[in-house]
Amino acid sequence: MDFIATTLLLFIVLDPLGNIPIYLSQLKAVPEQRRRFVALRELGIAYLVLLFFFFAGSAFMKLLSLDIASVNIAGAVILFLIAIRMVFPSQDGLFGNTAAGKEPLIVPLAIPAVAGPGALSVVLLLREANPGQSMTLLAALTAAWLISAVILGAAPHLQRVLRDEGILAMERLMGLVLVIIAIQMFLDALRLIGAIDG
């Protein structure tokens, strides 16, 4: 298993560039001086969730009698619903309005934006497929998360550059990409259970 290739794969799955519009739209109501703190706090929570799945995900899924195909299907459904709301935004925003005067906590910035079903299932799959390379996997996961944290931690500063129109355009573009990813995850799940040929 190549460290750089694994880091790149995890970086793509964490999708910090695609999450920029989500972070910006959710942090709009947060006072400007707290935006970076809130973004980094949510990223820290996401990292803890990823670590939990890295170390205990397999046992957790066995406890609930779940398999990878069910994780992929759940991820595909959630990503598809998020994508539809990105392409056709509503007045309530992507994940609904945050209560007045309150900051977003855990949902939606930590989960499912960063530590979503897609990222969790990839972490779990990599861990099970490479049981003897835990330290390399953990280093790759940490590196991918750090790069994502740098990008998303700087997201509030992009508000001035992108403005509302730019954010909306990015949301719609990434929504179209997420539709494709969601369908691919669903097809992968069908292949896992043998419903379709590879």
N, C-alpha and C. Protein backbone atom coordinates (compact mmCIF):
# COMPACT_ATOMS: atom_id res chain seq x y z
N MET A 1 0.86 -1.20 0.00
CA MET A 1 0.00 0.00 0.00
C MET A 1 0.89 1.24 0.00
N ASP A 2 0.68 2.12 -0.95
CA ASP A 2 1.49 3.32 -1.10
C ASP A 2 0.91 4.46 -0.25
N PHE A 3 1.76 5.09 0.57
CA PHE A 3 1.31 6.14 1.47
C PHE A 3 0.72 7.33 0.71
N ILE A 4 1.41 7.78 -0.34
CA ILE A 4 0.95 8.96 -1.09
C ILE A 4 -0.38 8.67 -1.79
N ALA A 5 -0.48 7.49 -2.41
CA ALA A 5 -1.73 7.13 -3.10
C ALA A 5 -2.89 7.02 -2.12
N THR A 6 -2.63 6.44 -0.95
CA THR A 6 -3.68 6.30 0.06
C THR A 6 -4.10 7.66 0.61
N THR A 7 -3.11 8.53 0.84
CA THR A 7 -3.42 9.89 1.31
C THR A 7 -4.27 10.62 0.29
N LEU A 8 -3.91 10.49 -0.99
CA LEU A 8 -4.68 11.15 -2.06
C LEU A 8 -6.10 10.62 -2.12
N LEU A 9 -6.25 9.29 -2.00
CA LEU A 9 -7.58 8.69 -2.01
C LEU A 9 -8.43 9.23 -0.86
N LEU A 10 -7.85 9.26 0.33
CA LEU A 10 -8.60 9.75 1.50
C LEU A 10 -8.91 11.24 1.38
N PHE A 11 -7.98 12.00 0.80
CA PHE A 11 -8.22 13.43 0.58
C PHE A 11 -9.41 13.64 -0.35
N ILE A 12 -9.47 12.85 -1.41
CA ILE A 12 -10.60 12.96 -2.35
C ILE A 12 -11.90 12.60 -1.67
N VAL A 13 -11.87 11.55 -0.83
CA VAL A 13 -13.09 11.11 -0.14
C VAL A 13 -13.54 12.14 0.89
N LEU A 14 -12.59 12.76 1.60
CA LEU A 14 -12.95 13.80 2.57
C LEU A 14 -13.49 15.04 1.86
N ASP A 15 -13.06 15.25 0.62
CA ASP A 15 -13.62 16.27 -0.27
C ASP A 15 -13.67 17.67 0.34
N PRO A 16 -12.52 18.23 0.78
CA PRO A 16 -12.55 19.58 1.35
C PRO A 16 -12.97 20.65 0.36
N LEU A 17 -12.58 20.50 -0.91
CA LEU A 17 -12.97 21.50 -1.91
C LEU A 17 -14.48 21.50 -2.12
N GLY A 18 -15.06 20.31 -2.16
CA GLY A 18 -16.52 20.22 -2.31
C GLY A 18 -17.25 20.69 -1.06
N ASN A 19 -16.59 20.62 0.09
CA ASN A 19 -17.23 21.03 1.35
C ASN A 19 -17.12 22.52 1.62
N ILE A 20 -16.31 23.24 0.84
CA ILE A 20 -16.17 24.68 1.06
C ILE A 20 -17.52 25.40 1.01
N PRO A 21 -18.36 25.14 -0.02
CA PRO A 21 -19.67 25.82 -0.02
C PRO A 21 -20.52 25.48 1.20
N ILE A 22 -20.45 24.22 1.67
CA ILE A 22 -21.23 23.82 2.83
C ILE A 22 -20.76 24.58 4.06
N TYR A 23 -19.43 24.63 4.25
CA TYR A 23 -18.88 25.35 5.40
C TYR A 23 -19.23 26.83 5.34
N LEU A 24 -19.08 27.44 4.17
CA LEU A 24 -19.38 28.86 4.05
C LEU A 24 -20.85 29.16 4.31
N SER A 25 -21.73 28.33 3.76
CA SER A 25 -23.17 28.59 3.95
C SER A 25 -23.58 28.39 5.39
N GLN A 26 -22.98 27.41 6.08
CA GLN A 26 -23.34 27.14 7.47
C GLN A 26 -22.71 28.14 8.44
N LEU A 27 -21.58 28.74 8.06
CA LEU A 27 -20.88 29.67 8.94
C LEU A 27 -21.30 31.13 8.72
N LYS A 28 -22.19 31.35 7.75
CA LYS A 28 -22.61 32.73 7.45
C LYS A 28 -23.21 33.41 8.67
N ALA A 29 -24.00 32.66 9.47
CA ALA A 29 -24.69 33.26 10.61
C ALA A 29 -23.81 33.35 11.85
N VAL A 30 -22.61 32.75 11.80
CA VAL A 30 -21.71 32.78 12.95
C VAL A 30 -20.91 34.08 12.94
N PRO A 31 -20.73 34.73 14.09
CA PRO A 31 -19.91 35.95 14.12
C PRO A 31 -18.54 35.72 13.49
N GLU A 32 -18.08 36.69 12.73
CA GLU A 32 -16.87 36.52 11.93
C GLU A 32 -15.67 36.09 12.76
N GLN A 33 -15.54 36.64 13.98
CA GLN A 33 -14.38 36.32 14.80
C GLN A 33 -14.37 34.88 15.31
N ARG A 34 -15.51 34.18 15.22
CA ARG A 34 -15.59 32.79 15.70
C ARG A 34 -15.62 31.77 14.56
N ARG A 35 -15.66 32.22 13.33
CA ARG A 35 -15.84 31.29 12.22
C ARG A 35 -14.70 30.28 12.11
N ARG A 36 -13.46 30.74 12.20
CA ARG A 36 -12.34 29.81 12.09
C ARG A 36 -12.36 28.81 13.25
N PHE A 37 -12.65 29.29 14.46
CA PHE A 37 -12.70 28.39 15.61
C PHE A 37 -13.76 27.31 15.42
N VAL A 38 -14.96 27.72 14.98
CA VAL A 38 -16.05 26.76 14.78
C VAL A 38 -15.67 25.75 13.70
N ALA A 39 -15.08 26.24 12.60
CA ALA A 39 -14.67 25.33 11.51
C ALA A 39 -13.66 24.31 12.00
N LEU A 40 -12.65 24.76 12.76
CA LEU A 40 -11.62 23.85 13.24
C LEU A 40 -12.17 22.90 14.31
N ARG A 41 -13.09 23.38 15.14
CA ARG A 41 -13.72 22.50 16.13
C ARG A 41 -14.47 21.37 15.46
N GLU A 42 -15.25 21.69 14.42
CA GLU A 42 -16.01 20.67 13.70
C GLU A 42 -15.09 19.69 12.98
N LEU A 43 -13.98 20.21 12.45
CA LEU A 43 -13.00 19.33 11.81
C LEU A 43 -12.37 18.39 12.83
N GLY A 44 -12.12 18.88 14.04
CA GLY A 44 -11.59 18.03 15.11
C GLY A 44 -12.55 16.92 15.48
N ILE A 45 -13.84 17.25 15.56
CA ILE A 45 -14.87 16.24 15.86
C ILE A 45 -14.91 15.20 14.75
N ALA A 46 -14.84 15.66 13.49
CA ALA A 46 -14.84 14.74 12.35
C ALA A 46 -13.65 13.79 12.42
N TYR A 47 -12.49 14.31 12.81
CA TYR A 47 -11.29 13.46 12.91
C TYR A 47 -11.47 12.39 13.98
N LEU A 48 -12.07 12.75 15.12
CA LEU A 48 -12.32 11.78 16.18
C LEU A 48 -13.27 10.68 15.70
N VAL A 49 -14.28 11.06 14.92
CA VAL A 49 -15.22 10.06 14.38
C VAL A 49 -14.50 9.13 13.40
N LEU A 50 -13.64 9.71 12.55
CA LEU A 50 -12.86 8.89 11.62
C LEU A 50 -11.93 7.93 12.36
N LEU A 51 -11.32 8.42 13.45
CA LEU A 51 -10.45 7.56 14.26
C LEU A 51 -11.24 6.42 14.90
N PHE A 52 -12.46 6.75 15.37
CA PHE A 52 -13.30 5.71 15.97
C PHE A 52 -13.57 4.60 14.96
N PHE A 53 -13.93 4.99 13.73
CA PHE A 53 -14.21 3.99 12.71
C PHE A 53 -12.93 3.26 12.30
N PHE A 54 -11.80 3.95 12.36
CA PHE A 54 -10.53 3.31 12.01
C PHE A 54 -10.20 2.19 12.99
N PHE A 55 -10.37 2.47 14.28
CA PHE A 55 -9.98 1.51 15.31
C PHE A 55 -11.09 0.52 15.68
N ALA A 56 -12.34 1.00 15.65
CA ALA A 56 -13.44 0.16 16.17
C ALA A 56 -14.57 -0.05 15.18
N GLY A 57 -14.41 0.45 13.96
CA GLY A 57 -15.50 0.37 13.00
C GLY A 57 -15.92 -1.04 12.67
N SER A 58 -14.95 -1.92 12.48
CA SER A 58 -15.27 -3.30 12.13
C SER A 58 -16.05 -3.99 13.24
N ALA A 59 -15.60 -3.82 14.49
CA ALA A 59 -16.29 -4.43 15.63
C ALA A 59 -17.68 -3.82 15.80
N PHE A 60 -17.80 -2.51 15.57
CA PHE A 60 -19.08 -1.82 15.70
C PHE A 60 -20.08 -2.35 14.68
N MET A 61 -19.63 -2.55 13.44
CA MET A 61 -20.51 -3.05 12.39
C MET A 61 -20.92 -4.49 12.65
N LYS A 62 -19.97 -5.31 13.17
CA LYS A 62 -20.31 -6.69 13.51
C LYS A 62 -21.33 -6.74 14.64
N LEU A 63 -21.19 -5.82 15.60
CA LEU A 63 -22.12 -5.76 16.72
C LEU A 63 -23.54 -5.48 16.24
N LEU A 64 -23.66 -4.63 15.20
CA LEU A 64 -24.97 -4.28 14.65
C LEU A 64 -25.36 -5.17 13.47
N SER A 65 -24.53 -6.16 13.17
CA SER A 65 -24.77 -7.08 12.04
C SER A 65 -24.91 -6.34 10.71
N LEU A 66 -24.01 -5.37 10.49
CA LEU A 66 -24.00 -4.59 9.25
C LEU A 66 -22.85 -5.05 8.37
N ASP A 67 -22.97 -4.82 7.07
CA ASP A 67 -21.85 -5.10 6.18
C ASP A 67 -21.53 -3.87 5.34
N ILE A 68 -20.43 -3.97 4.59
CA ILE A 68 -19.96 -2.82 3.81
C ILE A 68 -20.99 -2.37 2.78
N ALA A 69 -21.72 -3.31 2.20
CA ALA A 69 -22.73 -2.95 1.20
C ALA A 69 -23.78 -2.03 1.79
N SER A 70 -24.21 -2.30 3.03
CA SER A 70 -25.23 -1.44 3.65
C SER A 70 -24.68 -0.05 3.92
N VAL A 71 -23.39 0.04 4.29
CA VAL A 71 -22.76 1.34 4.50
C VAL A 71 -22.70 2.11 3.19
N ASN A 72 -22.34 1.41 2.11
CA ASN A 72 -22.28 2.07 0.79
C ASN A 72 -23.64 2.57 0.35
N ILE A 73 -24.67 1.75 0.55
CA ILE A 73 -26.02 2.16 0.13
C ILE A 73 -26.50 3.36 0.96
N ALA A 74 -26.26 3.31 2.28
CA ALA A 74 -26.64 4.44 3.14
C ALA A 74 -25.90 5.71 2.71
N GLY A 75 -24.61 5.56 2.43
CA GLY A 75 -23.83 6.70 1.97
C GLY A 75 -24.34 7.25 0.66
N ALA A 76 -24.70 6.35 -0.25
CA ALA A 76 -25.20 6.77 -1.56
C ALA A 76 -26.51 7.55 -1.42
N VAL A 77 -27.42 7.06 -0.58
CA VAL A 77 -28.72 7.72 -0.39
C VAL A 77 -28.52 9.11 0.22
N ILE A 78 -27.68 9.20 1.27
CA ILE A 78 -27.46 10.48 1.93
C ILE A 78 -26.79 11.47 0.98
N LEU A 79 -25.74 11.01 0.26
CA LEU A 79 -25.07 11.90 -0.68
C LEU A 79 -26.02 12.37 -1.78
N PHE A 80 -26.89 11.48 -2.24
CA PHE A 80 -27.83 11.86 -3.30
C PHE A 80 -28.80 12.94 -2.80
N LEU A 81 -29.31 12.77 -1.58
CA LEU A 81 -30.23 13.78 -1.03
C LEU A 81 -29.54 15.12 -0.83
N ILE A 82 -28.28 15.07 -0.34
CA ILE A 82 -27.50 16.30 -0.18
C ILE A 82 -27.28 16.95 -1.55
N ALA A 83 -26.94 16.12 -2.55
CA ALA A 83 -26.67 16.64 -3.89
C ALA A 83 -27.90 17.33 -4.48
N ILE A 84 -29.08 16.73 -4.29
CA ILE A 84 -30.31 17.33 -4.82
C ILE A 84 -30.54 18.70 -4.19
N ARG A 85 -30.29 18.81 -2.88
CA ARG A 85 -30.48 20.10 -2.21
C ARG A 85 -29.43 21.11 -2.62
N MET A 86 -28.25 20.63 -3.05
CA MET A 86 -27.23 21.55 -3.54
C MET A 86 -27.58 22.07 -4.93
N VAL A 87 -28.11 21.19 -5.77
CA VAL A 87 -28.48 21.60 -7.13
C VAL A 87 -29.75 22.45 -7.12
N PHE A 88 -30.70 22.09 -6.23
CA PHE A 88 -31.96 22.83 -6.12
C PHE A 88 -32.09 23.36 -4.68
N PRO A 89 -31.36 24.43 -4.35
CA PRO A 89 -31.35 24.92 -2.96
C PRO A 89 -32.71 25.40 -2.51
N SER A 90 -32.99 25.19 -1.19
CA SER A 90 -34.24 25.65 -0.60
C SER A 90 -33.97 26.84 0.31
N GLN A 91 -35.03 27.49 0.76
CA GLN A 91 -34.89 28.64 1.64
C GLN A 91 -34.29 28.25 2.99
N ASP A 92 -34.42 26.99 3.38
CA ASP A 92 -33.89 26.53 4.66
C ASP A 92 -32.41 26.18 4.60
N GLY A 93 -31.80 26.31 3.42
CA GLY A 93 -30.39 25.98 3.31
C GLY A 93 -30.16 24.50 3.07
N LEU A 94 -28.90 24.13 2.95
CA LEU A 94 -28.53 22.77 2.58
C LEU A 94 -28.96 21.74 3.61
N PHE A 95 -28.73 22.03 4.90
CA PHE A 95 -29.07 21.09 5.96
C PHE A 95 -30.12 21.67 6.91
N GLY A 96 -30.87 22.65 6.42
CA GLY A 96 -31.83 23.31 7.30
C GLY A 96 -31.16 24.45 8.04
N ASN A 97 -31.94 25.40 8.48
CA ASN A 97 -31.39 26.54 9.19
C ASN A 97 -30.92 26.16 10.58
N THR A 98 -29.77 26.71 10.97
CA THR A 98 -29.31 26.57 12.34
C THR A 98 -30.18 27.48 13.20
N ALA A 99 -30.51 27.03 14.40
CA ALA A 99 -31.34 27.84 15.28
C ALA A 99 -30.71 29.21 15.48
N ALA A 100 -31.54 30.23 15.54
CA ALA A 100 -31.08 31.60 15.63
C ALA A 100 -30.14 31.76 16.82
N GLY A 101 -28.99 32.39 16.55
CA GLY A 101 -28.03 32.66 17.61
C GLY A 101 -27.19 31.47 18.02
N LYS A 102 -27.36 30.32 17.37
CA LYS A 102 -26.61 29.13 17.74
C LYS A 102 -25.68 28.72 16.61
N GLU A 103 -24.53 28.16 17.01
CA GLU A 103 -23.56 27.69 16.03
C GLU A 103 -23.88 26.25 15.64
N PRO A 104 -23.52 25.85 14.41
CA PRO A 104 -23.67 24.44 14.04
C PRO A 104 -22.74 23.59 14.90
N LEU A 105 -23.24 22.48 15.42
CA LEU A 105 -22.44 21.59 16.25
C LEU A 105 -22.62 20.15 15.77
N ILE A 106 -21.54 19.54 15.35
CA ILE A 106 -21.45 18.16 14.85
C ILE A 106 -22.16 18.00 13.51
N VAL A 107 -23.47 18.25 13.47
CA VAL A 107 -24.23 18.17 12.22
C VAL A 107 -24.49 19.59 11.74
N PRO A 108 -24.23 19.93 10.49
CA PRO A 108 -23.78 19.05 9.40
C PRO A 108 -22.28 19.13 9.09
N LEU A 109 -21.53 19.99 9.80
CA LEU A 109 -20.15 20.23 9.37
C LEU A 109 -19.21 19.07 9.66
N ALA A 110 -19.30 18.49 10.87
CA ALA A 110 -18.44 17.34 11.18
C ALA A 110 -18.98 16.09 10.50
N ILE A 111 -20.29 15.86 10.71
CA ILE A 111 -21.01 14.73 10.12
C ILE A 111 -22.27 15.29 9.48
N PRO A 112 -22.56 15.08 8.22
CA PRO A 112 -21.87 14.20 7.27
C PRO A 112 -20.90 14.88 6.32
N ALA A 113 -20.64 16.20 6.50
CA ALA A 113 -19.83 16.91 5.51
C ALA A 113 -18.43 16.30 5.36
N VAL A 114 -17.72 16.12 6.48
CA VAL A 114 -16.36 15.56 6.42
C VAL A 114 -16.38 14.07 6.72
N ALA A 115 -16.86 13.69 7.89
CA ALA A 115 -16.91 12.28 8.27
C ALA A 115 -18.27 11.70 7.88
N GLY A 116 -18.50 11.65 6.59
CA GLY A 116 -19.76 11.11 6.08
C GLY A 116 -19.68 9.62 5.85
N PRO A 117 -20.78 9.01 5.46
CA PRO A 117 -20.79 7.56 5.20
C PRO A 117 -19.75 7.12 4.18
N GLY A 118 -19.52 7.94 3.16
CA GLY A 118 -18.53 7.59 2.15
C GLY A 118 -17.13 7.51 2.74
N ALA A 119 -16.74 8.54 3.51
CA ALA A 119 -15.41 8.55 4.14
C ALA A 119 -15.27 7.42 5.14
N LEU A 120 -16.30 7.20 5.94
CA LEU A 120 -16.24 6.15 6.96
C LEU A 120 -16.12 4.76 6.33
N SER A 121 -16.86 4.53 5.25
CA SER A 121 -16.79 3.22 4.61
C SER A 121 -15.44 2.99 3.95
N VAL A 122 -14.83 4.05 3.36
CA VAL A 122 -13.50 3.91 2.76
C VAL A 122 -12.46 3.62 3.82
N VAL A 123 -12.52 4.33 4.95
CA VAL A 123 -11.59 4.08 6.06
C VAL A 123 -11.72 2.63 6.52
N LEU A 124 -12.94 2.17 6.65
CA LEU A 124 -13.19 0.80 7.10
C LEU A 124 -12.69 -0.22 6.08
N LEU A 125 -12.95 0.03 4.81
CA LEU A 125 -12.50 -0.88 3.75
C LEU A 125 -10.97 -0.97 3.69
N LEU A 126 -10.30 0.19 3.77
CA LEU A 126 -8.84 0.21 3.74
C LEU A 126 -8.25 -0.54 4.93
N ARG A 127 -8.85 -0.34 6.09
CA ARG A 127 -8.38 -1.00 7.32
C ARG A 127 -8.50 -2.52 7.21
N GLU A 128 -9.63 -2.99 6.68
CA GLU A 128 -9.85 -4.44 6.58
C GLU A 128 -9.00 -5.07 5.47
N ALA A 129 -8.75 -4.29 4.40
CA ALA A 129 -7.98 -4.83 3.28
C ALA A 129 -6.48 -4.84 3.55
N ASN A 130 -6.02 -4.03 4.53
CA ASN A 130 -4.59 -3.94 4.83
C ASN A 130 -4.35 -4.07 6.33
N PRO A 131 -4.63 -5.24 6.89
CA PRO A 131 -4.56 -5.40 8.35
C PRO A 131 -3.17 -5.22 8.93
N GLY A 132 -2.11 -5.45 8.13
CA GLY A 132 -0.76 -5.34 8.65
C GLY A 132 -0.12 -3.98 8.47
N GLN A 133 -0.88 -3.01 7.96
CA GLN A 133 -0.30 -1.69 7.67
C GLN A 133 -1.08 -0.59 8.37
N SER A 134 -1.43 -0.83 9.61
CA SER A 134 -2.26 0.12 10.36
C SER A 134 -1.60 1.48 10.52
N MET A 135 -0.29 1.49 10.81
CA MET A 135 0.40 2.76 11.04
C MET A 135 0.48 3.60 9.77
N THR A 136 0.73 2.94 8.64
CA THR A 136 0.76 3.67 7.36
C THR A 136 -0.61 4.25 7.05
N LEU A 137 -1.65 3.45 7.28
CA LEU A 137 -3.03 3.92 7.05
C LEU A 137 -3.38 5.09 7.95
N LEU A 138 -3.00 4.98 9.22
CA LEU A 138 -3.30 6.05 10.18
C LEU A 138 -2.57 7.33 9.80
N ALA A 139 -1.31 7.20 9.36
CA ALA A 139 -0.54 8.37 8.93
C ALA A 139 -1.18 9.01 7.69
N ALA A 140 -1.65 8.17 6.75
CA ALA A 140 -2.29 8.69 5.54
C ALA A 140 -3.60 9.40 5.88
N LEU A 141 -4.39 8.81 6.79
CA LEU A 141 -5.64 9.43 7.21
C LEU A 141 -5.39 10.78 7.88
N THR A 142 -4.38 10.82 8.75
CA THR A 142 -4.05 12.07 9.44
C THR A 142 -3.57 13.14 8.46
N ALA A 143 -2.73 12.73 7.50
CA ALA A 143 -2.23 13.68 6.50
C ALA A 143 -3.37 14.25 5.66
N ALA A 144 -4.27 13.37 5.21
CA ALA A 144 -5.41 13.82 4.40
C ALA A 144 -6.30 14.76 5.21
N TRP A 145 -6.49 14.44 6.48
CA TRP A 145 -7.32 15.30 7.34
C TRP A 145 -6.65 16.66 7.55
N LEU A 146 -5.34 16.67 7.77
CA LEU A 146 -4.63 17.94 7.99
C LEU A 146 -4.74 18.86 6.77
N ILE A 147 -4.56 18.28 5.58
CA ILE A 147 -4.69 19.08 4.36
C ILE A 147 -6.11 19.63 4.24
N SER A 148 -7.10 18.78 4.55
CA SER A 148 -8.50 19.21 4.51
C SER A 148 -8.76 20.31 5.52
N ALA A 149 -8.16 20.18 6.72
CA ALA A 149 -8.35 21.18 7.78
C ALA A 149 -7.79 22.54 7.37
N VAL A 150 -6.64 22.52 6.70
CA VAL A 150 -6.04 23.78 6.24
C VAL A 150 -6.97 24.46 5.24
N ILE A 151 -7.49 23.66 4.30
CA ILE A 151 -8.37 24.23 3.26
C ILE A 151 -9.67 24.75 3.86
N LEU A 152 -10.33 23.93 4.71
CA LEU A 152 -11.63 24.33 5.27
C LEU A 152 -11.47 25.37 6.38
N GLY A 153 -10.34 25.35 7.08
CA GLY A 153 -10.09 26.39 8.08
C GLY A 153 -9.98 27.77 7.46
N ALA A 154 -9.55 27.82 6.21
CA ALA A 154 -9.44 29.08 5.49
C ALA A 154 -10.71 29.44 4.75
N ALA A 155 -11.71 28.55 4.77
CA ALA A 155 -12.94 28.78 4.01
C ALA A 155 -13.64 30.10 4.32
N PRO A 156 -13.71 30.53 5.61
CA PRO A 156 -14.39 31.82 5.88
C PRO A 156 -13.79 32.99 5.12
N HIS A 157 -12.46 32.95 4.87
CA HIS A 157 -11.83 34.05 4.14
C HIS A 157 -12.26 34.08 2.68
N LEU A 158 -12.70 32.92 2.17
CA LEU A 158 -13.16 32.86 0.79
C LEU A 158 -14.51 33.54 0.60
N GLN A 159 -15.20 33.78 1.72
CA GLN A 159 -16.52 34.45 1.65
C GLN A 159 -16.41 35.79 0.95
N ARG A 160 -15.34 36.53 1.28
CA ARG A 160 -15.16 37.86 0.68
C ARG A 160 -14.88 37.77 -0.81
N VAL A 161 -14.19 36.72 -1.22
CA VAL A 161 -13.81 36.58 -2.63
C VAL A 161 -14.97 36.02 -3.46
N LEU A 162 -15.61 34.95 -2.94
CA LEU A 162 -16.64 34.26 -3.71
C LEU A 162 -17.98 34.96 -3.71
N ARG A 163 -18.32 35.62 -2.58
CA ARG A 163 -19.63 36.24 -2.39
C ARG A 163 -20.74 35.20 -2.50
N ASP A 164 -21.96 35.59 -2.28
CA ASP A 164 -23.08 34.65 -2.27
C ASP A 164 -23.28 33.96 -3.62
N GLU A 165 -23.08 34.72 -4.71
CA GLU A 165 -23.28 34.15 -6.05
C GLU A 165 -22.26 33.05 -6.33
N GLY A 166 -21.02 33.29 -5.93
CA GLY A 166 -19.97 32.30 -6.15
C GLY A 166 -20.21 31.04 -5.34
N ILE A 167 -20.68 31.21 -4.09
CA ILE A 167 -20.97 30.07 -3.23
C ILE A 167 -22.08 29.22 -3.84
N LEU A 168 -23.14 29.90 -4.32
CA LEU A 168 -24.26 29.19 -4.93
C LEU A 168 -23.81 28.42 -6.16
N ALA A 169 -22.96 29.04 -6.99
CA ALA A 169 -22.46 28.36 -8.19
C ALA A 169 -21.64 27.12 -7.82
N MET A 170 -20.78 27.25 -6.79
CA MET A 170 -19.97 26.11 -6.36
C MET A 170 -20.85 25.00 -5.79
N GLU A 171 -21.87 25.37 -5.03
CA GLU A 171 -22.78 24.38 -4.47
C GLU A 171 -23.45 23.57 -5.57
N ARG A 172 -23.93 24.25 -6.61
CA ARG A 172 -24.62 23.55 -7.70
C ARG A 172 -23.67 22.67 -8.49
N LEU A 173 -22.46 23.16 -8.73
CA LEU A 173 -21.47 22.37 -9.47
C LEU A 173 -21.10 21.12 -8.69
N MET A 174 -20.79 21.27 -7.39
CA MET A 174 -20.43 20.12 -6.57
C MET A 174 -21.62 19.19 -6.36
N GLY A 175 -22.82 19.73 -6.40
CA GLY A 175 -24.02 18.90 -6.30
C GLY A 175 -24.10 17.93 -7.47
N LEU A 176 -23.79 18.42 -8.66
CA LEU A 176 -23.79 17.55 -9.84
C LEU A 176 -22.74 16.45 -9.71
N VAL A 177 -21.56 16.81 -9.18
CA VAL A 177 -20.50 15.81 -8.98
C VAL A 177 -20.94 14.78 -7.94
N LEU A 178 -21.59 15.25 -6.85
CA LEU A 178 -22.03 14.34 -5.80
C LEU A 178 -23.10 13.37 -6.29
N VAL A 179 -23.93 13.79 -7.22
CA VAL A 179 -24.92 12.87 -7.80
C VAL A 179 -24.21 11.68 -8.45
N ILE A 180 -23.15 11.98 -9.20
CA ILE A 180 -22.38 10.92 -9.87
C ILE A 180 -21.73 10.01 -8.84
N ILE A 181 -21.12 10.60 -7.80
CA ILE A 181 -20.46 9.81 -6.76
C ILE A 181 -21.47 8.92 -6.04
N ALA A 182 -22.65 9.48 -5.75
CA ALA A 182 -23.69 8.72 -5.06
C ALA A 182 -24.13 7.51 -5.89
N ILE A 183 -24.32 7.72 -7.18
CA ILE A 183 -24.72 6.61 -8.06
C ILE A 183 -23.62 5.56 -8.13
N GLN A 184 -22.34 6.01 -8.18
CA GLN A 184 -21.23 5.06 -8.21
C GLN A 184 -21.17 4.24 -6.92
N MET A 185 -21.40 4.88 -5.77
CA MET A 185 -21.42 4.16 -4.50
C MET A 185 -22.53 3.12 -4.48
N PHE A 186 -23.68 3.47 -5.01
CA PHE A 186 -24.81 2.54 -5.06
C PHE A 186 -24.48 1.35 -5.96
N LEU A 187 -23.87 1.61 -7.12
CA LEU A 187 -23.48 0.53 -8.03
C LEU A 187 -22.43 -0.37 -7.39
N ASP A 188 -21.48 0.24 -6.65
CA ASP A 188 -20.47 -0.56 -5.95
C ASP A 188 -21.12 -1.49 -4.93
N ALA A 189 -22.13 -0.97 -4.22
CA ALA A 189 -22.84 -1.80 -3.24
C ALA A 189 -23.55 -2.96 -3.92
N LEU A 190 -24.17 -2.70 -5.07
CA LEU A 190 -24.84 -3.78 -5.81
C LEU A 190 -23.85 -4.84 -6.27
N ARG A 191 -22.64 -4.40 -6.66
CA ARG A 191 -21.61 -5.37 -7.05
C ARG A 191 -21.17 -6.21 -5.85
N LEU A 192 -21.09 -5.57 -4.68
CA LEU A 192 -20.67 -6.30 -3.47
C LEU A 192 -21.64 -7.42 -3.12
N ILE A 193 -22.93 -7.17 -3.33
CA ILE A 193 -23.92 -8.20 -2.99
C ILE A 193 -24.24 -9.10 -4.18
N GLY A 194 -23.56 -8.86 -5.31
CA GLY A 194 -23.74 -9.72 -6.49
C GLY A 194 -24.99 -9.46 -7.27
N ALA A 195 -25.62 -8.30 -7.05
CA ALA A 195 -26.85 -7.99 -7.77
C ALA A 195 -26.58 -7.64 -9.23
N ILE A 196 -25.36 -7.12 -9.50
CA ILE A 196 -24.99 -6.82 -10.89
C ILE A 196 -23.58 -7.33 -11.11
N ASP A 197 -23.21 -7.51 -12.37
CA ASP A 197 -21.86 -7.97 -12.71
C ASP A 197 -20.89 -6.81 -12.66
N GLY A 198 -19.63 -7.12 -12.35
CA GLY A 198 -18.59 -6.10 -12.33
C GLY A 198 -18.27 -5.60 -13.71
